[in-house]
N, C-alpha and C. Protein backbone atom coordinates (compact mmCIF):
# COMPACT_ATOMS: atom_id res chain seq x y z
N MET A 1 73.80 151.98 120.33
CA MET A 1 74.17 150.97 119.36
C MET A 1 75.65 151.10 119.04
N ASN A 2 76.27 149.97 118.92
CA ASN A 2 77.69 149.93 118.65
C ASN A 2 77.93 150.19 117.16
N VAL A 3 78.96 150.97 116.86
CA VAL A 3 79.25 151.29 115.46
C VAL A 3 79.82 150.10 114.70
N PHE A 4 80.35 149.12 115.40
CA PHE A 4 80.96 147.97 114.75
C PHE A 4 79.97 146.82 114.50
N THR A 5 78.74 146.97 114.95
CA THR A 5 77.76 145.89 114.81
C THR A 5 77.53 145.47 113.36
N PRO A 6 77.34 146.40 112.41
CA PRO A 6 77.14 145.95 111.01
C PRO A 6 78.36 145.19 110.47
N TYR A 7 79.55 145.62 110.86
CA TYR A 7 80.76 144.95 110.38
C TYR A 7 80.91 143.57 111.01
N LEU A 8 80.50 143.46 112.26
CA LEU A 8 80.57 142.18 112.95
C LEU A 8 79.65 141.16 112.27
N HIS A 9 78.45 141.57 111.94
CA HIS A 9 77.52 140.65 111.28
C HIS A 9 78.02 140.26 109.89
N SER A 10 78.60 141.22 109.17
CA SER A 10 79.07 140.89 107.83
C SER A 10 80.28 139.97 107.89
N SER A 11 81.15 140.14 108.92
CA SER A 11 82.30 139.24 109.01
C SER A 11 81.87 137.84 109.43
N LEU A 12 80.83 137.73 110.27
CA LEU A 12 80.33 136.41 110.63
C LEU A 12 79.72 135.72 109.42
N THR A 13 79.01 136.48 108.61
CA THR A 13 78.42 135.92 107.39
C THR A 13 79.52 135.50 106.43
N LEU A 14 80.57 136.32 106.34
CA LEU A 14 81.69 135.99 105.47
C LEU A 14 82.36 134.70 105.94
N GLY A 15 82.54 134.56 107.26
CA GLY A 15 83.13 133.34 107.80
C GLY A 15 82.27 132.13 107.54
N ALA A 16 80.97 132.27 107.71
CA ALA A 16 80.05 131.15 107.46
C ALA A 16 80.07 130.77 105.98
N ASN A 17 80.10 131.77 105.11
CA ASN A 17 80.16 131.48 103.68
C ASN A 17 81.47 130.80 103.31
N PHE A 18 82.55 131.22 103.97
CA PHE A 18 83.86 130.62 103.71
C PHE A 18 83.85 129.14 104.07
N PHE A 19 83.36 128.81 105.25
CA PHE A 19 83.34 127.42 105.67
C PHE A 19 82.35 126.59 104.86
N THR A 20 81.26 127.20 104.44
CA THR A 20 80.31 126.49 103.58
C THR A 20 80.94 126.17 102.24
N SER A 21 81.68 127.11 101.69
CA SER A 21 82.32 126.86 100.40
C SER A 21 83.43 125.81 100.54
N ILE A 22 84.16 125.83 101.64
CA ILE A 22 85.18 124.80 101.88
C ILE A 22 84.54 123.42 101.99
N ASN A 23 83.42 123.33 102.73
CA ASN A 23 82.72 122.05 102.86
C ASN A 23 82.21 121.56 101.52
N ASN A 24 81.72 122.46 100.69
CA ASN A 24 81.25 122.08 99.35
C ASN A 24 82.39 121.55 98.49
N LEU A 25 83.55 122.21 98.57
CA LEU A 25 84.71 121.76 97.80
C LEU A 25 85.18 120.38 98.26
N ILE A 26 85.16 120.16 99.58
CA ILE A 26 85.59 118.87 100.11
C ILE A 26 84.63 117.77 99.67
N SER A 27 83.33 118.04 99.70
CA SER A 27 82.38 117.01 99.28
C SER A 27 82.50 116.72 97.79
N GLN A 28 82.78 117.74 96.99
CA GLN A 28 82.99 117.51 95.56
C GLN A 28 84.27 116.71 95.32
N ALA A 29 85.31 117.02 96.09
CA ALA A 29 86.56 116.28 95.95
C ALA A 29 86.38 114.83 96.37
N GLN A 30 85.55 114.58 97.38
CA GLN A 30 85.30 113.21 97.82
C GLN A 30 84.60 112.40 96.73
N VAL A 31 83.67 113.02 96.03
CA VAL A 31 82.98 112.34 94.93
C VAL A 31 83.97 111.99 93.82
N VAL A 32 84.83 112.93 93.48
CA VAL A 32 85.83 112.69 92.43
C VAL A 32 86.81 111.60 92.88
N LEU A 33 87.23 111.64 94.14
CA LEU A 33 88.16 110.64 94.64
C LEU A 33 87.53 109.24 94.63
N ASN A 34 86.27 109.13 95.02
CA ASN A 34 85.59 107.84 94.97
C ASN A 34 85.48 107.32 93.53
N ALA A 35 85.19 108.21 92.59
CA ALA A 35 85.11 107.80 91.18
C ALA A 35 86.48 107.33 90.69
N LEU A 36 87.54 108.01 91.10
CA LEU A 36 88.89 107.61 90.70
C LEU A 36 89.26 106.25 91.29
N ILE A 37 88.88 106.01 92.54
CA ILE A 37 89.16 104.72 93.18
C ILE A 37 88.43 103.60 92.45
N ILE A 38 87.17 103.83 92.10
CA ILE A 38 86.41 102.81 91.37
C ILE A 38 87.03 102.56 90.00
N PHE A 39 87.44 103.61 89.32
CA PHE A 39 88.09 103.46 88.02
C PHE A 39 89.37 102.64 88.15
N LEU A 40 90.19 102.93 89.16
CA LEU A 40 91.43 102.18 89.35
C LEU A 40 91.16 100.72 89.71
N GLY A 41 90.09 100.47 90.46
CA GLY A 41 89.72 99.08 90.76
C GLY A 41 89.35 98.31 89.51
N VAL A 42 88.64 98.96 88.60
CA VAL A 42 88.29 98.31 87.33
C VAL A 42 89.54 98.08 86.49
N VAL A 43 90.47 99.02 86.51
CA VAL A 43 91.72 98.86 85.77
C VAL A 43 92.53 97.69 86.35
N ILE A 44 92.56 97.57 87.68
CA ILE A 44 93.25 96.44 88.31
C ILE A 44 92.63 95.13 87.85
N PHE A 45 91.30 95.08 87.81
CA PHE A 45 90.62 93.87 87.34
C PHE A 45 90.99 93.55 85.89
N LEU A 46 90.95 94.55 85.03
CA LEU A 46 91.23 94.32 83.61
C LEU A 46 92.68 93.89 83.38
N ILE A 47 93.62 94.54 84.06
CA ILE A 47 95.03 94.18 83.88
C ILE A 47 95.30 92.77 84.39
N GLY A 48 94.76 92.46 85.57
CA GLY A 48 94.98 91.12 86.12
C GLY A 48 94.36 90.03 85.27
N SER A 49 93.18 90.29 84.76
CA SER A 49 92.52 89.30 83.90
C SER A 49 93.26 89.13 82.58
N ALA A 50 93.72 90.22 82.02
CA ALA A 50 94.43 90.15 80.74
C ALA A 50 95.78 89.44 80.91
N ARG A 51 96.47 89.69 82.02
CA ARG A 51 97.76 89.02 82.24
C ARG A 51 97.58 87.53 82.46
N GLY A 52 96.42 87.14 82.99
CA GLY A 52 96.13 85.73 83.19
C GLY A 52 95.48 85.08 81.99
N LYS A 53 95.49 85.75 80.87
CA LYS A 53 94.93 85.26 79.60
C LYS A 53 93.45 84.92 79.72
N TRP A 54 92.75 85.67 80.54
CA TRP A 54 91.29 85.57 80.69
C TRP A 54 90.82 84.18 81.12
N THR A 55 91.64 83.49 81.89
CA THR A 55 91.20 82.21 82.46
C THR A 55 90.32 82.49 83.68
N LEU A 56 89.52 81.52 84.05
CA LEU A 56 88.59 81.71 85.16
C LEU A 56 89.29 82.05 86.47
N PRO A 57 90.38 81.35 86.86
CA PRO A 57 91.05 81.73 88.11
C PRO A 57 91.61 83.15 88.07
N ALA A 58 92.15 83.56 86.93
CA ALA A 58 92.68 84.91 86.81
C ALA A 58 91.58 85.94 86.93
N ILE A 59 90.43 85.66 86.32
CA ILE A 59 89.30 86.59 86.40
C ILE A 59 88.80 86.70 87.83
N LEU A 60 88.69 85.55 88.52
CA LEU A 60 88.20 85.57 89.90
C LEU A 60 89.17 86.29 90.84
N LEU A 61 90.46 86.01 90.70
CA LEU A 61 91.43 86.68 91.57
C LEU A 61 91.53 88.17 91.25
N SER A 62 91.43 88.52 89.99
CA SER A 62 91.47 89.94 89.62
C SER A 62 90.23 90.67 90.12
N ALA A 63 89.08 89.99 90.07
CA ALA A 63 87.86 90.60 90.61
C ALA A 63 87.98 90.79 92.11
N LEU A 64 88.58 89.83 92.79
CA LEU A 64 88.80 89.95 94.23
C LEU A 64 89.75 91.10 94.54
N ALA A 65 90.84 91.20 93.79
CA ALA A 65 91.82 92.27 94.01
C ALA A 65 91.21 93.64 93.72
N GLY A 66 90.50 93.75 92.61
CA GLY A 66 89.87 95.03 92.28
C GLY A 66 88.79 95.40 93.28
N GLY A 67 88.00 94.40 93.70
CA GLY A 67 86.95 94.66 94.68
C GLY A 67 87.50 95.08 96.03
N LEU A 68 88.58 94.42 96.47
CA LEU A 68 89.21 94.82 97.73
C LEU A 68 89.80 96.22 97.64
N PHE A 69 90.37 96.55 96.49
CA PHE A 69 90.90 97.90 96.31
C PHE A 69 89.79 98.94 96.40
N ILE A 70 88.68 98.67 95.74
CA ILE A 70 87.55 99.61 95.77
C ILE A 70 86.99 99.70 97.18
N TRP A 71 86.78 98.55 97.84
CA TRP A 71 86.24 98.57 99.20
C TRP A 71 87.18 99.30 100.15
N GLY A 72 88.48 99.02 100.02
CA GLY A 72 89.45 99.68 100.89
C GLY A 72 89.49 101.18 100.68
N GLY A 73 89.36 101.61 99.45
CA GLY A 73 89.43 103.04 99.17
C GLY A 73 88.16 103.79 99.49
N VAL A 74 87.01 103.16 99.27
CA VAL A 74 85.75 103.87 99.45
C VAL A 74 85.22 103.74 100.87
N ALA A 75 85.20 102.52 101.40
CA ALA A 75 84.56 102.31 102.71
C ALA A 75 85.51 101.75 103.76
N GLY A 76 86.55 101.08 103.35
CA GLY A 76 87.39 100.36 104.28
C GLY A 76 88.15 101.23 105.26
N VAL A 77 88.61 102.38 104.83
CA VAL A 77 89.38 103.24 105.71
C VAL A 77 88.51 103.74 106.85
N GLN A 78 87.32 104.20 106.54
CA GLN A 78 86.41 104.67 107.58
C GLN A 78 85.96 103.52 108.47
N TRP A 79 85.73 102.34 107.89
CA TRP A 79 85.33 101.17 108.67
C TRP A 79 86.44 100.77 109.63
N ALA A 80 87.68 100.78 109.17
CA ALA A 80 88.81 100.42 110.03
C ALA A 80 88.98 101.43 111.15
N ALA A 81 88.81 102.70 110.84
CA ALA A 81 88.93 103.73 111.88
C ALA A 81 87.82 103.59 112.91
N ASP A 82 86.61 103.31 112.47
CA ASP A 82 85.50 103.13 113.40
C ASP A 82 85.70 101.90 114.27
N SER A 83 86.14 100.79 113.68
CA SER A 83 86.33 99.58 114.47
C SER A 83 87.50 99.73 115.43
N ALA A 84 88.55 100.43 115.03
CA ALA A 84 89.67 100.66 115.93
C ALA A 84 89.24 101.57 117.08
N GLY A 85 88.42 102.57 116.77
CA GLY A 85 87.94 103.47 117.82
C GLY A 85 87.08 102.75 118.84
N THR A 86 86.24 101.83 118.40
CA THR A 86 85.40 101.09 119.34
C THR A 86 86.21 100.06 120.10
N THR A 87 87.26 99.53 119.51
CA THR A 87 88.11 98.57 120.20
C THR A 87 88.91 99.25 121.29
N ILE A 88 89.42 100.43 121.00
CA ILE A 88 90.25 101.16 121.97
C ILE A 88 89.40 101.66 123.13
N LYS A 89 88.19 102.11 122.84
CA LYS A 89 87.33 102.63 123.91
C LYS A 89 86.82 101.52 124.72
């Protein structure tokens, strides 16, 4: 039996735990980033509607702007990357 075998197993476990913790932090950061994007989209809607004195066209355009911001931040980047990847291939 090799004398380094226990240390090898513990270092592999340490590496696996390290990458697991990094993945957990990234997933938590993604949730926070999505919440921030949604919050900013709502703020865009409110500011645009208020600047337009709450008229129907201002509300509709602000909702469109806020919705596009949210879609672009949450799903649009990945969608664009996927569609570009399939177009190039």
